[in-house]
């Protein structure tokens, strides 16, 4: 089970206040904050052309990235990176094979994706 410090709880609270949706997880980095929400509630979070996310970004003064929760690691990775990736599991480790177009996404959000998966 993850333990959230006061700052993380504050971000989670602000996210829910602004979007009306409680996040399932949160990762805060110096330049971005990542949230995971129930996939059925993504529409509510992204409504009005992302106006709620823009409001949140202005309030916390950094970029916000929202991922939809998926039931399996494979579904989560395909949803967050690309449905064209290939995944191979060996000895409890997932290896992800991506094309050139998707490699930029992995480099940008890869560390957060890894942390959210664990």
N, C-alpha and C. Protein backbone atom coordinates (compact mmCIF):
# COMPACT_ATOMS: atom_id res chain seq x y z
N UNK A 1 0.84 -1.18 0.00
CA UNK A 1 0.00 0.00 0.00
C UNK A 1 0.89 1.25 0.00
N UNK A 2 0.51 2.22 -0.83
CA UNK A 2 1.26 3.48 -0.90
C UNK A 2 0.89 4.38 0.27
N UNK A 3 1.85 5.12 0.72
CA UNK A 3 1.62 6.10 1.77
C UNK A 3 1.76 7.48 1.13
N UNK A 4 0.78 8.34 1.35
CA UNK A 4 0.79 9.68 0.79
C UNK A 4 1.16 10.69 1.85
N UNK A 5 2.06 11.61 1.51
CA UNK A 5 2.41 12.67 2.44
C UNK A 5 1.37 13.80 2.34
N UNK A 6 1.54 14.81 3.14
CA UNK A 6 0.60 15.92 3.21
C UNK A 6 0.44 16.62 1.85
N UNK A 7 1.55 16.81 1.15
CA UNK A 7 1.51 17.46 -0.16
C UNK A 7 0.72 16.67 -1.18
N UNK A 8 0.91 15.35 -1.18
CA UNK A 8 0.18 14.49 -2.11
C UNK A 8 -1.33 14.50 -1.79
N UNK A 9 -1.64 14.44 -0.51
CA UNK A 9 -3.05 14.48 -0.12
C UNK A 9 -3.69 15.80 -0.54
N UNK A 10 -2.92 16.87 -0.46
CA UNK A 10 -3.42 18.17 -0.90
C UNK A 10 -3.71 18.16 -2.40
N UNK A 11 -2.79 17.60 -3.20
CA UNK A 11 -3.00 17.51 -4.65
C UNK A 11 -4.22 16.65 -4.99
N UNK A 12 -4.36 15.53 -4.30
CA UNK A 12 -5.51 14.65 -4.53
C UNK A 12 -6.80 15.39 -4.21
N UNK A 13 -6.80 16.12 -3.11
CA UNK A 13 -7.98 16.89 -2.70
C UNK A 13 -8.32 17.96 -3.72
N UNK A 14 -7.31 18.68 -4.21
CA UNK A 14 -7.54 19.73 -5.21
C UNK A 14 -8.08 19.12 -6.50
N UNK A 15 -7.50 17.99 -6.91
CA UNK A 15 -7.97 17.33 -8.13
C UNK A 15 -9.46 17.00 -8.02
N UNK A 16 -9.84 16.41 -6.89
CA UNK A 16 -11.24 16.04 -6.71
C UNK A 16 -12.14 17.28 -6.64
N UNK A 17 -11.68 18.32 -6.00
CA UNK A 17 -12.45 19.55 -5.89
C UNK A 17 -12.69 20.18 -7.27
N UNK A 18 -11.65 20.22 -8.09
CA UNK A 18 -11.75 20.86 -9.40
C UNK A 18 -12.52 19.99 -10.41
N UNK A 19 -12.25 18.68 -10.41
CA UNK A 19 -12.84 17.81 -11.43
C UNK A 19 -14.14 17.13 -10.99
N UNK A 20 -14.31 16.99 -9.67
CA UNK A 20 -15.47 16.25 -9.17
C UNK A 20 -15.26 14.74 -9.18
N UNK A 21 -14.04 14.31 -9.49
CA UNK A 21 -13.70 12.89 -9.58
C UNK A 21 -12.55 12.59 -8.63
N UNK A 22 -12.72 11.60 -7.75
CA UNK A 22 -11.61 11.23 -6.87
C UNK A 22 -10.56 10.41 -7.63
N UNK A 23 -9.29 10.81 -7.59
CA UNK A 23 -8.27 10.01 -8.28
C UNK A 23 -7.95 8.74 -7.49
N UNK A 24 -7.52 7.71 -8.21
CA UNK A 24 -7.14 6.45 -7.58
C UNK A 24 -5.68 6.46 -7.16
N UNK A 25 -4.88 7.28 -7.83
CA UNK A 25 -3.46 7.36 -7.52
C UNK A 25 -2.93 8.70 -8.02
N UNK A 26 -1.76 9.06 -7.51
CA UNK A 26 -1.16 10.35 -7.86
C UNK A 26 0.35 10.25 -7.72
N UNK A 27 1.06 10.86 -8.64
CA UNK A 27 2.52 10.97 -8.57
C UNK A 27 2.86 12.42 -8.87
N UNK A 28 3.64 13.02 -8.00
CA UNK A 28 4.02 14.41 -8.16
C UNK A 28 5.50 14.51 -8.48
N UNK A 29 5.80 15.14 -9.60
CA UNK A 29 7.19 15.40 -9.99
C UNK A 29 7.38 16.90 -10.05
N UNK A 30 8.60 17.34 -10.26
CA UNK A 30 8.88 18.78 -10.24
C UNK A 30 8.14 19.55 -11.34
N UNK A 31 7.97 18.95 -12.51
CA UNK A 31 7.33 19.66 -13.61
C UNK A 31 5.96 19.13 -14.02
N UNK A 32 5.56 17.97 -13.49
CA UNK A 32 4.27 17.36 -13.84
C UNK A 32 3.68 16.67 -12.63
N UNK A 33 2.35 16.56 -12.64
CA UNK A 33 1.66 15.73 -11.67
C UNK A 33 0.78 14.77 -12.44
N UNK A 34 0.88 13.49 -12.11
CA UNK A 34 0.13 12.44 -12.78
C UNK A 34 -1.00 11.96 -11.87
N UNK A 35 -2.17 11.73 -12.46
CA UNK A 35 -3.30 11.19 -11.73
C UNK A 35 -3.85 9.99 -12.49
N UNK A 36 -4.33 9.01 -11.75
CA UNK A 36 -5.03 7.86 -12.33
C UNK A 36 -6.47 7.94 -11.85
N UNK A 37 -7.42 7.83 -12.80
CA UNK A 37 -8.83 7.88 -12.44
C UNK A 37 -9.55 6.68 -13.05
N UNK A 38 -10.70 6.37 -12.49
CA UNK A 38 -11.55 5.31 -13.01
C UNK A 38 -11.84 5.61 -14.48
N UNK A 39 -11.68 4.60 -15.33
CA UNK A 39 -11.84 4.82 -16.77
C UNK A 39 -13.25 5.29 -17.13
N UNK A 40 -14.24 4.95 -16.33
CA UNK A 40 -15.62 5.37 -16.60
C UNK A 40 -15.82 6.85 -16.29
N UNK A 41 -14.89 7.45 -15.56
CA UNK A 41 -15.03 8.85 -15.15
C UNK A 41 -14.09 9.79 -15.92
N UNK A 42 -13.36 9.26 -16.89
CA UNK A 42 -12.45 10.09 -17.67
C UNK A 42 -13.20 11.20 -18.42
N UNK A 43 -14.38 10.89 -18.90
CA UNK A 43 -15.17 11.89 -19.61
C UNK A 43 -15.47 13.10 -18.75
N UNK A 44 -15.78 12.86 -17.49
CA UNK A 44 -16.07 13.96 -16.57
C UNK A 44 -14.82 14.80 -16.30
N UNK A 45 -13.68 14.14 -16.23
CA UNK A 45 -12.41 14.85 -15.98
C UNK A 45 -12.03 15.70 -17.19
N UNK A 46 -12.23 15.17 -18.39
CA UNK A 46 -11.79 15.86 -19.61
C UNK A 46 -12.89 16.69 -20.27
N UNK A 47 -14.05 16.83 -19.62
CA UNK A 47 -15.18 17.55 -20.20
C UNK A 47 -14.81 19.00 -20.54
N UNK A 48 -15.60 19.57 -21.43
CA UNK A 48 -15.43 20.97 -21.85
C UNK A 48 -14.03 21.25 -22.40
N UNK A 49 -13.55 20.34 -23.24
CA UNK A 49 -12.24 20.49 -23.89
C UNK A 49 -11.10 20.62 -22.88
N UNK A 50 -11.21 19.90 -21.77
CA UNK A 50 -10.15 19.88 -20.78
C UNK A 50 -10.09 21.11 -19.89
N UNK A 51 -11.19 21.85 -19.81
CA UNK A 51 -11.21 23.08 -19.02
C UNK A 51 -10.86 22.83 -17.55
N UNK A 52 -11.34 21.71 -16.99
CA UNK A 52 -11.04 21.40 -15.58
C UNK A 52 -9.55 21.14 -15.37
N UNK A 53 -8.94 20.47 -16.32
CA UNK A 53 -7.50 20.19 -16.23
C UNK A 53 -6.71 21.49 -16.34
N UNK A 54 -7.10 22.36 -17.24
CA UNK A 54 -6.43 23.66 -17.37
C UNK A 54 -6.54 24.47 -16.07
N UNK A 55 -7.73 24.44 -15.45
CA UNK A 55 -7.92 25.13 -14.17
C UNK A 55 -6.99 24.54 -13.11
N UNK A 56 -6.91 23.23 -13.08
CA UNK A 56 -6.03 22.55 -12.12
C UNK A 56 -4.56 22.91 -12.37
N UNK A 57 -4.15 22.90 -13.63
CA UNK A 57 -2.77 23.26 -13.97
C UNK A 57 -2.44 24.69 -13.54
N UNK A 58 -3.37 25.60 -13.75
CA UNK A 58 -3.15 26.98 -13.32
C UNK A 58 -3.04 27.08 -11.80
N UNK A 59 -3.82 26.29 -11.11
CA UNK A 59 -3.81 26.34 -9.65
C UNK A 59 -2.52 25.76 -9.06
N UNK A 60 -2.07 24.61 -9.58
CA UNK A 60 -0.87 23.99 -9.01
C UNK A 60 0.41 24.40 -9.75
N UNK A 61 0.25 25.15 -10.83
CA UNK A 61 1.36 25.70 -11.61
C UNK A 61 2.31 24.65 -12.18
N UNK A 62 1.72 23.59 -12.70
CA UNK A 62 2.51 22.60 -13.43
C UNK A 62 1.58 21.78 -14.31
N UNK A 63 2.17 21.05 -15.21
CA UNK A 63 1.41 20.22 -16.15
C UNK A 63 0.75 19.06 -15.42
N UNK A 64 -0.48 18.74 -15.82
CA UNK A 64 -1.22 17.62 -15.25
C UNK A 64 -1.45 16.59 -16.35
N UNK A 65 -1.15 15.33 -16.04
CA UNK A 65 -1.37 14.22 -16.95
C UNK A 65 -2.31 13.24 -16.25
N UNK A 66 -3.37 12.84 -16.96
CA UNK A 66 -4.36 11.94 -16.38
C UNK A 66 -4.38 10.64 -17.16
N UNK A 67 -4.27 9.52 -16.44
CA UNK A 67 -4.35 8.20 -17.04
C UNK A 67 -5.64 7.53 -16.58
N UNK A 68 -6.22 6.72 -17.44
CA UNK A 68 -7.39 5.92 -17.07
C UNK A 68 -6.92 4.60 -16.47
N UNK A 69 -7.51 4.23 -15.34
CA UNK A 69 -7.18 2.95 -14.70
C UNK A 69 -7.62 1.80 -15.60
N UNK A 70 -6.79 0.79 -15.69
CA UNK A 70 -7.10 -0.41 -16.45
C UNK A 70 -6.92 -1.63 -15.53
N UNK A 71 -7.61 -2.70 -15.83
CA UNK A 71 -7.60 -3.89 -14.97
C UNK A 71 -6.28 -4.66 -15.00
N UNK A 72 -5.57 -4.62 -16.11
CA UNK A 72 -4.31 -5.36 -16.19
C UNK A 72 -3.17 -4.42 -16.59
N UNK A 73 -1.96 -4.85 -16.30
CA UNK A 73 -0.79 -4.05 -16.66
C UNK A 73 -0.72 -3.85 -18.17
N UNK A 74 -1.02 -4.89 -18.91
CA UNK A 74 -0.97 -4.80 -20.38
C UNK A 74 -1.97 -3.77 -20.89
N UNK A 75 -3.21 -3.81 -20.39
CA UNK A 75 -4.21 -2.83 -20.80
C UNK A 75 -3.78 -1.41 -20.42
N UNK A 76 -3.22 -1.25 -19.21
CA UNK A 76 -2.79 0.06 -18.75
C UNK A 76 -1.69 0.61 -19.66
N UNK A 77 -0.70 -0.21 -19.97
CA UNK A 77 0.40 0.23 -20.82
C UNK A 77 -0.07 0.57 -22.23
N UNK A 78 -0.96 -0.24 -22.77
CA UNK A 78 -1.49 0.04 -24.11
C UNK A 78 -2.31 1.31 -24.11
N UNK A 79 -3.04 1.57 -23.05
CA UNK A 79 -3.85 2.78 -22.95
C UNK A 79 -2.98 4.03 -22.79
N UNK A 80 -1.93 3.92 -21.98
CA UNK A 80 -1.11 5.10 -21.70
C UNK A 80 -0.06 5.39 -22.77
N UNK A 81 0.43 4.36 -23.44
CA UNK A 81 1.48 4.56 -24.45
C UNK A 81 0.89 4.47 -25.85
N UNK A 82 0.45 3.30 -26.23
CA UNK A 82 -0.11 3.08 -27.57
C UNK A 82 -0.63 1.66 -27.64
N UNK A 83 -1.71 1.47 -28.38
CA UNK A 83 -2.22 0.11 -28.54
C UNK A 83 -1.37 -0.71 -29.51
N UNK A 84 -0.36 -0.06 -30.12
CA UNK A 84 0.52 -0.75 -31.07
C UNK A 84 1.77 -1.34 -30.42
N UNK A 85 1.93 -1.14 -29.13
CA UNK A 85 3.13 -1.68 -28.47
C UNK A 85 3.02 -3.18 -28.34
N UNK A 86 4.15 -3.81 -28.20
CA UNK A 86 4.19 -5.25 -27.95
C UNK A 86 4.76 -5.44 -26.56
N UNK A 87 4.15 -6.35 -25.81
CA UNK A 87 4.55 -6.59 -24.43
C UNK A 87 4.90 -8.05 -24.26
N UNK A 88 6.03 -8.30 -23.62
CA UNK A 88 6.47 -9.67 -23.35
C UNK A 88 6.79 -9.77 -21.86
N UNK A 89 6.25 -10.78 -21.20
CA UNK A 89 6.51 -10.97 -19.77
C UNK A 89 7.48 -12.14 -19.60
N UNK A 90 8.59 -11.87 -18.91
CA UNK A 90 9.55 -12.92 -18.61
C UNK A 90 10.01 -12.75 -17.16
N UNK A 91 9.91 -13.80 -16.41
CA UNK A 91 10.37 -13.84 -15.03
C UNK A 91 9.83 -12.68 -14.19
N UNK A 92 8.52 -12.39 -14.35
CA UNK A 92 7.90 -11.35 -13.55
C UNK A 92 8.20 -9.93 -14.00
N UNK A 93 8.87 -9.77 -15.14
CA UNK A 93 9.20 -8.45 -15.66
C UNK A 93 8.52 -8.26 -17.00
N UNK A 94 7.90 -7.10 -17.18
CA UNK A 94 7.30 -6.78 -18.47
C UNK A 94 8.31 -6.03 -19.32
N UNK A 95 8.49 -6.51 -20.54
CA UNK A 95 9.33 -5.80 -21.50
C UNK A 95 8.40 -5.19 -22.53
N UNK A 96 8.63 -3.91 -22.80
CA UNK A 96 7.78 -3.18 -23.73
C UNK A 96 8.58 -2.86 -24.99
N UNK A 97 8.00 -3.20 -26.13
CA UNK A 97 8.62 -2.91 -27.41
C UNK A 97 7.76 -1.87 -28.12
N UNK A 98 8.35 -0.72 -28.40
CA UNK A 98 7.60 0.38 -29.00
C UNK A 98 8.24 0.81 -30.31
N UNK A 99 7.41 1.38 -31.17
CA UNK A 99 7.91 1.93 -32.42
C UNK A 99 8.51 3.31 -32.18
N UNK A 100 9.12 3.85 -33.20
CA UNK A 100 9.78 5.16 -33.09
C UNK A 100 8.81 6.25 -32.68
N UNK A 101 7.57 6.20 -33.17
CA UNK A 101 6.58 7.23 -32.84
C UNK A 101 6.24 7.24 -31.36
N UNK A 102 6.21 6.08 -30.73
CA UNK A 102 5.81 5.98 -29.33
C UNK A 102 6.97 6.11 -28.36
N UNK A 103 8.20 6.06 -28.85
CA UNK A 103 9.35 6.10 -27.95
C UNK A 103 9.44 7.43 -27.20
N UNK A 104 9.02 8.51 -27.81
CA UNK A 104 9.04 9.82 -27.16
C UNK A 104 8.10 9.83 -25.95
N UNK A 105 6.95 9.22 -26.10
CA UNK A 105 5.97 9.14 -25.00
C UNK A 105 6.55 8.34 -23.84
N UNK A 106 7.22 7.25 -24.13
CA UNK A 106 7.82 6.42 -23.08
C UNK A 106 8.91 7.20 -22.36
N UNK A 107 9.73 7.92 -23.09
CA UNK A 107 10.79 8.71 -22.47
C UNK A 107 10.21 9.80 -21.60
N UNK A 108 9.11 10.42 -22.03
CA UNK A 108 8.52 11.53 -21.29
C UNK A 108 7.79 11.10 -20.03
N UNK A 109 7.02 10.03 -20.11
CA UNK A 109 6.19 9.60 -18.99
C UNK A 109 6.54 8.22 -18.47
N UNK A 110 7.61 7.64 -18.96
CA UNK A 110 7.97 6.27 -18.62
C UNK A 110 8.18 6.02 -17.14
N UNK A 111 8.87 6.92 -16.46
CA UNK A 111 9.13 6.73 -15.04
C UNK A 111 7.83 6.73 -14.24
N UNK A 112 6.92 7.62 -14.55
CA UNK A 112 5.64 7.68 -13.84
C UNK A 112 4.82 6.44 -14.15
N UNK A 113 4.82 6.00 -15.40
CA UNK A 113 4.08 4.79 -15.77
C UNK A 113 4.59 3.60 -14.99
N UNK A 114 5.91 3.47 -14.88
CA UNK A 114 6.51 2.37 -14.12
C UNK A 114 6.08 2.44 -12.66
N UNK A 115 6.10 3.63 -12.09
CA UNK A 115 5.74 3.79 -10.68
C UNK A 115 4.26 3.48 -10.46
N UNK A 116 3.40 3.92 -11.36
CA UNK A 116 1.97 3.68 -11.24
C UNK A 116 1.64 2.20 -11.38
N UNK A 117 2.43 1.48 -12.16
CA UNK A 117 2.20 0.06 -12.37
C UNK A 117 2.55 -0.77 -11.14
N UNK A 118 3.46 -0.29 -10.33
CA UNK A 118 3.91 -1.12 -9.20
C UNK A 118 2.99 -1.06 -8.02
